[in-house]
Amino acid sequence: MLIQFGYVTLFSSAFPMAAMCALLNNIIEIRSDAFKLCMTFQRPFGQRVENIGIWQHGLELMSIIAVMVNSALIGISDLADRLFPGWGTVERIVFIVFLEHFVLAVKFLVAYAIPDIPHKVAEEKARLEFLRREALKKMKRSLRICRR
């Protein structure tokens, strides 16, 4: 999955159909896995985890590298020549660095603006925690009454 994400993000400006190829691959893979689970194997037991772990850092690093690679690909492509004719090497490098910094700033601003846990989910978790604590207090009170 990380390799596929890398192919799609790193080379999307050079091969835009990579996303469609990855989507088609994922659809076929999901269907074949569903067939295997339904017809051949038993359902695996799931384990509860907090998050995706170290893969999150790998995906974030891959997205940062993808911004740099795509900025460089756009900067050295014919598109930059058509948009800015007559630019020399220095101007082109400055353009690549500016484009990369701008996209990374937007990426980090969006990541900062969107919370990891949605507000409604955080409220529901807090409500459930409150109800759990209240039930525990009630149970302790009833045990104290029974002991007397």
C-alpha atoms as a PDB file:
ATOM      1  CA  MET A   1       0.000   0.000   0.000  1.00  0.00           C
ATOM      2  CA  LEU A   2       2.822   2.412   0.837  1.00  0.00           C
ATOM      3  CA  ILE A   3       4.568   1.566  -2.433  1.00  0.00           C
ATOM      4  CA  GLN A   4       1.372   2.174  -4.370  1.00  0.00           C
ATOM      5  CA  PHE A   5       0.846   5.485  -2.544  1.00  0.00           C
ATOM      6  CA  GLY A   6       4.410   6.406  -3.461  1.00  0.00           C
ATOM      7  CA  TYR A   7       3.911   5.650  -7.147  1.00  0.00           C
ATOM      8  CA  VAL A   8       0.697   7.648  -7.276  1.00  0.00           C
ATOM      9  CA  THR A   9       1.954  10.695  -5.381  1.00  0.00           C
ATOM     10  CA  LEU A  10       5.545  10.816  -6.591  1.00  0.00           C
ATOM     11  CA  PHE A  11       4.803  10.562 -10.278  1.00  0.00           C
ATOM     12  CA  SER A  12       1.286  11.952 -10.618  1.00  0.00           C
ATOM     13  CA  SER A  13       2.490  14.973 -12.574  1.00  0.00           C
ATOM     14  CA  ALA A  14       4.396  12.742 -15.014  1.00  0.00           C
ATOM     15  CA  PHE A  15       1.680  10.043 -15.334  1.00  0.00           C
ATOM     16  CA  PRO A  16      -1.764  11.302 -14.255  1.00  0.00           C
ATOM     17  CA  MET A  17      -3.404   7.958 -15.036  1.00  0.00           C
ATOM     18  CA  ALA A  18      -1.457   6.362 -12.165  1.00  0.00           C
ATOM     19  CA  ALA A  19      -4.319   7.168  -9.794  1.00  0.00           C
ATOM     20  CA  MET A  20      -6.834   5.417 -12.044  1.00  0.00           C
ATOM     21  CA  CYS A  21      -4.535   2.392 -12.361  1.00  0.00           C
ATOM     22  CA  ALA A  22      -4.178   2.259  -8.575  1.00  0.00           C
ATOM     23  CA  LEU A  23      -7.953   2.532  -8.132  1.00  0.00           C
ATOM     24  CA  LEU A  24      -8.554  -0.301 -10.579  1.00  0.00           C
ATOM     25  CA  ASN A  25      -5.889  -2.385  -8.833  1.00  0.00           C
ATOM     26  CA  ASN A  26      -7.480  -1.754  -5.427  1.00  0.00           C
ATOM     27  CA  ILE A  27     -10.965  -2.682  -6.673  1.00  0.00           C
ATOM     28  CA  ILE A  28      -9.671  -5.961  -8.102  1.00  0.00           C
ATOM     29  CA  GLU A  29      -7.644  -6.664  -4.963  1.00  0.00           C
ATOM     30  CA  ILE A  30     -10.610  -5.985  -2.651  1.00  0.00           C
ATOM     31  CA  ARG A  31     -12.843  -8.275  -4.687  1.00  0.00           C
ATOM     32  CA  SER A  32     -10.277 -11.075  -4.784  1.00  0.00           C
ATOM     33  CA  ASP A  33      -9.671 -10.755  -1.020  1.00  0.00           C
ATOM     34  CA  ALA A  34     -13.424 -10.854  -0.390  1.00  0.00           C
ATOM     35  CA  PHE A  35     -13.699 -14.001  -2.501  1.00  0.00           C
ATOM     36  CA  LYS A  36     -10.823 -15.640  -0.621  1.00  0.00           C
ATOM     37  CA  LEU A  37     -12.309 -14.753   2.763  1.00  0.00           C
ATOM     38  CA  CYS A  38     -15.797 -15.951   1.816  1.00  0.00           C
ATOM     39  CA  MET A  39     -14.925 -19.103  -0.077  1.00  0.00           C
ATOM     40  CA  THR A  40     -11.531 -20.338   1.081  1.00  0.00           C
ATOM     41  CA  PHE A  41     -10.410 -19.010   4.445  1.00  0.00           C
ATOM     42  CA  GLN A  42     -12.018 -18.099   7.740  1.00  0.00           C
ATOM     43  CA  ARG A  43     -12.456 -14.521   8.795  1.00  0.00           C
ATOM     44  CA  PRO A  44      -9.361 -13.271  10.641  1.00  0.00           C
ATOM     45  CA  PHE A  45      -9.790 -11.964  14.159  1.00  0.00           C
ATOM     46  CA  GLY A  46      -9.295  -8.215  14.343  1.00  0.00           C
ATOM     47  CA  GLN A  47      -7.258  -6.488  16.989  1.00  0.00           C
ATOM     48  CA  ARG A  48      -8.151  -3.061  18.331  1.00  0.00           C
ATOM     49  CA  VAL A  49      -5.393  -0.510  17.822  1.00  0.00           C
ATOM     50  CA  GLU A  50      -5.120   3.204  18.564  1.00  0.00           C
ATOM     51  CA  ASN A  51      -3.946   4.299  15.093  1.00  0.00           C
ATOM     52  CA  ILE A  52      -1.985   3.029  12.097  1.00  0.00           C
ATOM     53  CA  GLY A  53       1.293   3.377  13.987  1.00  0.00           C
ATOM     54  CA  ILE A  54       4.576   3.871  12.193  1.00  0.00           C
ATOM     55  CA  TRP A  55       2.827   3.792   8.803  1.00  0.00           C
ATOM     56  CA  GLN A  56       1.474   7.296   9.505  1.00  0.00           C
ATOM     57  CA  HIS A  57       5.008   8.681   9.636  1.00  0.00           C
ATOM     58  CA  GLY A  58       5.903   6.819   6.452  1.00  0.00           C
ATOM     59  CA  LEU A  59       2.899   8.225   4.606  1.00  0.00           C
ATOM     60  CA  GLU A  60       3.608  11.770   5.793  1.00  0.00           C
ATOM     61  CA  LEU A  61       7.259  11.495   4.760  1.00  0.00           C
ATOM     62  CA  MET A  62       6.195  10.104   1.388  1.00  0.00           C
ATOM     63  CA  SER A  63       3.804  13.029   0.862  1.00  0.00           C
ATOM     64  CA  ILE A  64       6.538  15.572   1.655  1.00  0.00           C
ATOM     65  CA  ILE A  65       8.916  13.865  -0.762  1.00  0.00           C
ATOM     66  CA  ALA A  66       6.105  13.776  -3.339  1.00  0.00           C
ATOM     67  CA  VAL A  67       5.695  17.549  -3.099  1.00  0.00           C
ATOM     68  CA  MET A  68       9.413  18.025  -3.736  1.00  0.00           C
ATOM     69  CA  VAL A  69       9.509  15.571  -6.653  1.00  0.00           C
ATOM     70  CA  ASN A  70       6.389  16.954  -8.325  1.00  0.00           C
ATOM     71  CA  SER A  71       7.626  20.529  -7.916  1.00  0.00           C
ATOM     72  CA  ALA A  72      10.873  19.556  -9.610  1.00  0.00           C
ATOM     73  CA  LEU A  73       9.037  17.708 -12.385  1.00  0.00           C
ATOM     74  CA  ILE A  74       6.804  20.704 -13.023  1.00  0.00           C
ATOM     75  CA  GLY A  75       9.790  23.057 -12.899  1.00  0.00           C
ATOM     76  CA  ILE A  76      11.799  21.161 -15.514  1.00  0.00           C
ATOM     77  CA  SER A  77       8.867  20.306 -17.772  1.00  0.00           C
ATOM     78  CA  ASP A  78       7.697  22.034 -20.927  1.00  0.00           C
ATOM     79  CA  LEU A  79       4.870  23.600 -18.928  1.00  0.00           C
ATOM     80  CA  ALA A  80       7.324  25.888 -17.161  1.00  0.00           C
ATOM     81  CA  ASP A  81       8.857  26.823 -20.527  1.00  0.00           C
ATOM     82  CA  ARG A  82       5.446  27.711 -21.938  1.00  0.00           C
ATOM     83  CA  LEU A  83       4.345  29.662 -18.871  1.00  0.00           C
ATOM     84  CA  PHE A  84       7.608  31.539 -18.369  1.00  0.00           C
ATOM     85  CA  PRO A  85       9.548  31.737 -21.653  1.00  0.00           C
ATOM     86  CA  GLY A  86      13.067  33.036 -21.466  1.00  0.00           C
ATOM     87  CA  TRP A  87      13.734  32.038 -17.882  1.00  0.00           C
ATOM     88  CA  GLY A  88      17.245  30.874 -17.131  1.00  0.00           C
ATOM     89  CA  THR A  89      18.402  28.150 -14.775  1.00  0.00           C
ATOM     90  CA  VAL A  90      18.496  30.380 -11.695  1.00  0.00           C
ATOM     91  CA  GLU A  91      14.955  31.662 -12.194  1.00  0.00           C
ATOM     92  CA  ARG A  92      13.723  28.128 -12.771  1.00  0.00           C
ATOM     93  CA  ILE A  93      15.353  26.840  -9.553  1.00  0.00           C
ATOM     94  CA  VAL A  94      13.890  29.764  -7.594  1.00  0.00           C
ATOM     95  CA  PHE A  95      10.478  28.921  -9.080  1.00  0.00           C
ATOM     96  CA  ILE A  96      10.822  25.247  -8.080  1.00  0.00           C
ATOM     97  CA  VAL A  97      11.844  26.147  -4.515  1.00  0.00           C
ATOM     98  CA  PHE A  98       9.042  28.715  -4.176  1.00  0.00           C
ATOM     99  CA  LEU A  99       6.446  26.275  -5.535  1.00  0.00           C
ATOM    100  CA  GLU A 100       7.655  23.539  -3.199  1.00  0.00           C
ATOM    101  CA  HIS A 101       7.596  25.805  -0.124  1.00  0.00           C
ATOM    102  CA  PHE A 102       4.154  27.147  -1.022  1.00  0.00           C
ATOM    103  CA  VAL A 103       2.628  23.672  -1.452  1.00  0.00           C
ATOM    104  CA  LEU A 104       4.276  22.393   1.746  1.00  0.00           C
ATOM    105  CA  ALA A 105       2.944  25.405   3.662  1.00  0.00           C
ATOM    106  CA  VAL A 106      -0.566  24.733   2.363  1.00  0.00           C
ATOM    107  CA  LYS A 107      -0.191  21.042   3.230  1.00  0.00           C
ATOM    108  CA  PHE A 108       0.865  21.781   6.809  1.00  0.00           C
ATOM    109  CA  LEU A 109      -1.846  24.434   7.246  1.00  0.00           C
ATOM    110  CA  VAL A 110      -4.522  21.982   6.112  1.00  0.00           C
ATOM    111  CA  ALA A 111      -3.092  19.265   8.378  1.00  0.00           C
ATOM    112  CA  TYR A 112      -3.141  21.717  11.290  1.00  0.00           C
ATOM    113  CA  ALA A 113      -6.663  22.961  10.542  1.00  0.00           C
ATOM    114  CA  ILE A 114      -8.248  19.515  10.381  1.00  0.00           C
ATOM    115  CA  PRO A 115      -8.260  17.812  13.792  1.00  0.00           C
ATOM    116  CA  ASP A 116      -7.166  14.203  14.156  1.00  0.00           C
ATOM    117  CA  ILE A 117     -10.355  13.387  16.059  1.00  0.00           C
ATOM    118  CA  PRO A 118     -13.537  15.108  14.834  1.00  0.00           C
ATOM    119  CA  HIS A 119     -15.334  17.309  17.359  1.00  0.00           C
ATOM    120  CA  LYS A 120     -18.442  15.100  17.455  1.00  0.00           C
ATOM    121  CA  VAL A 121     -16.368  11.978  18.094  1.00  0.00           C
ATOM    122  CA  ALA A 122     -14.426  13.689  20.892  1.00  0.00           C
ATOM    123  CA  GLU A 123     -17.697  14.825  22.491  1.00  0.00           C
ATOM    124  CA  GLU A 124     -19.170  11.330  22.262  1.00  0.00           C
ATOM    125  CA  LYS A 125     -16.045   9.797  23.791  1.00  0.00           C
ATOM    126  CA  ALA A 126     -16.147  12.319  26.632  1.00  0.00           C
ATOM    127  CA  ARG A 127     -19.852  11.609  27.196  1.00  0.00           C
ATOM    128  CA  LEU A 128     -19.249   7.861  27.304  1.00  0.00           C
ATOM    129  CA  GLU A 129     -16.348   8.345  29.709  1.00  0.00           C
ATOM    130  CA  PHE A 130     -18.577  10.491  31.941  1.00  0.00           C
ATOM    131  CA  LEU A 131     -21.326   7.839  31.903  1.00  0.00           C
ATOM    132  CA  ARG A 132     -18.786   5.128  32.685  1.00  0.00           C
ATOM    133  CA  ARG A 133     -17.453   7.058  35.678  1.00  0.00           C
ATOM    134  CA  GLU A 134     -20.964   7.805  36.933  1.00  0.00           C
ATOM    135  CA  ALA A 135     -21.896   4.125  36.679  1.00  0.00           C
ATOM    136  CA  LEU A 136     -18.723   3.197  38.574  1.00  0.00           C
ATOM    137  CA  LYS A 137     -19.530   5.724  41.342  1.00  0.00           C
ATOM    138  CA  LYS A 138     -23.081   4.372  41.568  1.00  0.00           C
ATOM    139  CA  MET A 139     -21.786   0.807  41.786  1.00  0.00           C
ATOM    140  CA  LYS A 140     -19.318   1.743  44.543  1.00  0.00           C
ATOM    141  CA  ARG A 141     -22.086   3.493  46.501  1.00  0.00           C
ATOM    142  CA  SER A 142     -24.352   0.449  46.248  1.00  0.00           C
ATOM    143  CA  LEU A 143     -21.496  -1.824  47.391  1.00  0.00           C
ATOM    144  CA  ARG A 144     -20.925   0.399  50.427  1.00  0.00           C
ATOM    145  CA  ILE A 145     -24.613   0.212  51.323  1.00  0.00           C
ATOM    146  CA  CYS A 146     -24.592  -3.602  50.970  1.00  0.00           C
ATOM    147  CA  ARG A 147     -21.569  -3.951  53.265  1.00  0.00           C
ATOM    148  CA  ARG A 148     -23.245  -2.057  56.115  1.00  0.00           C
END
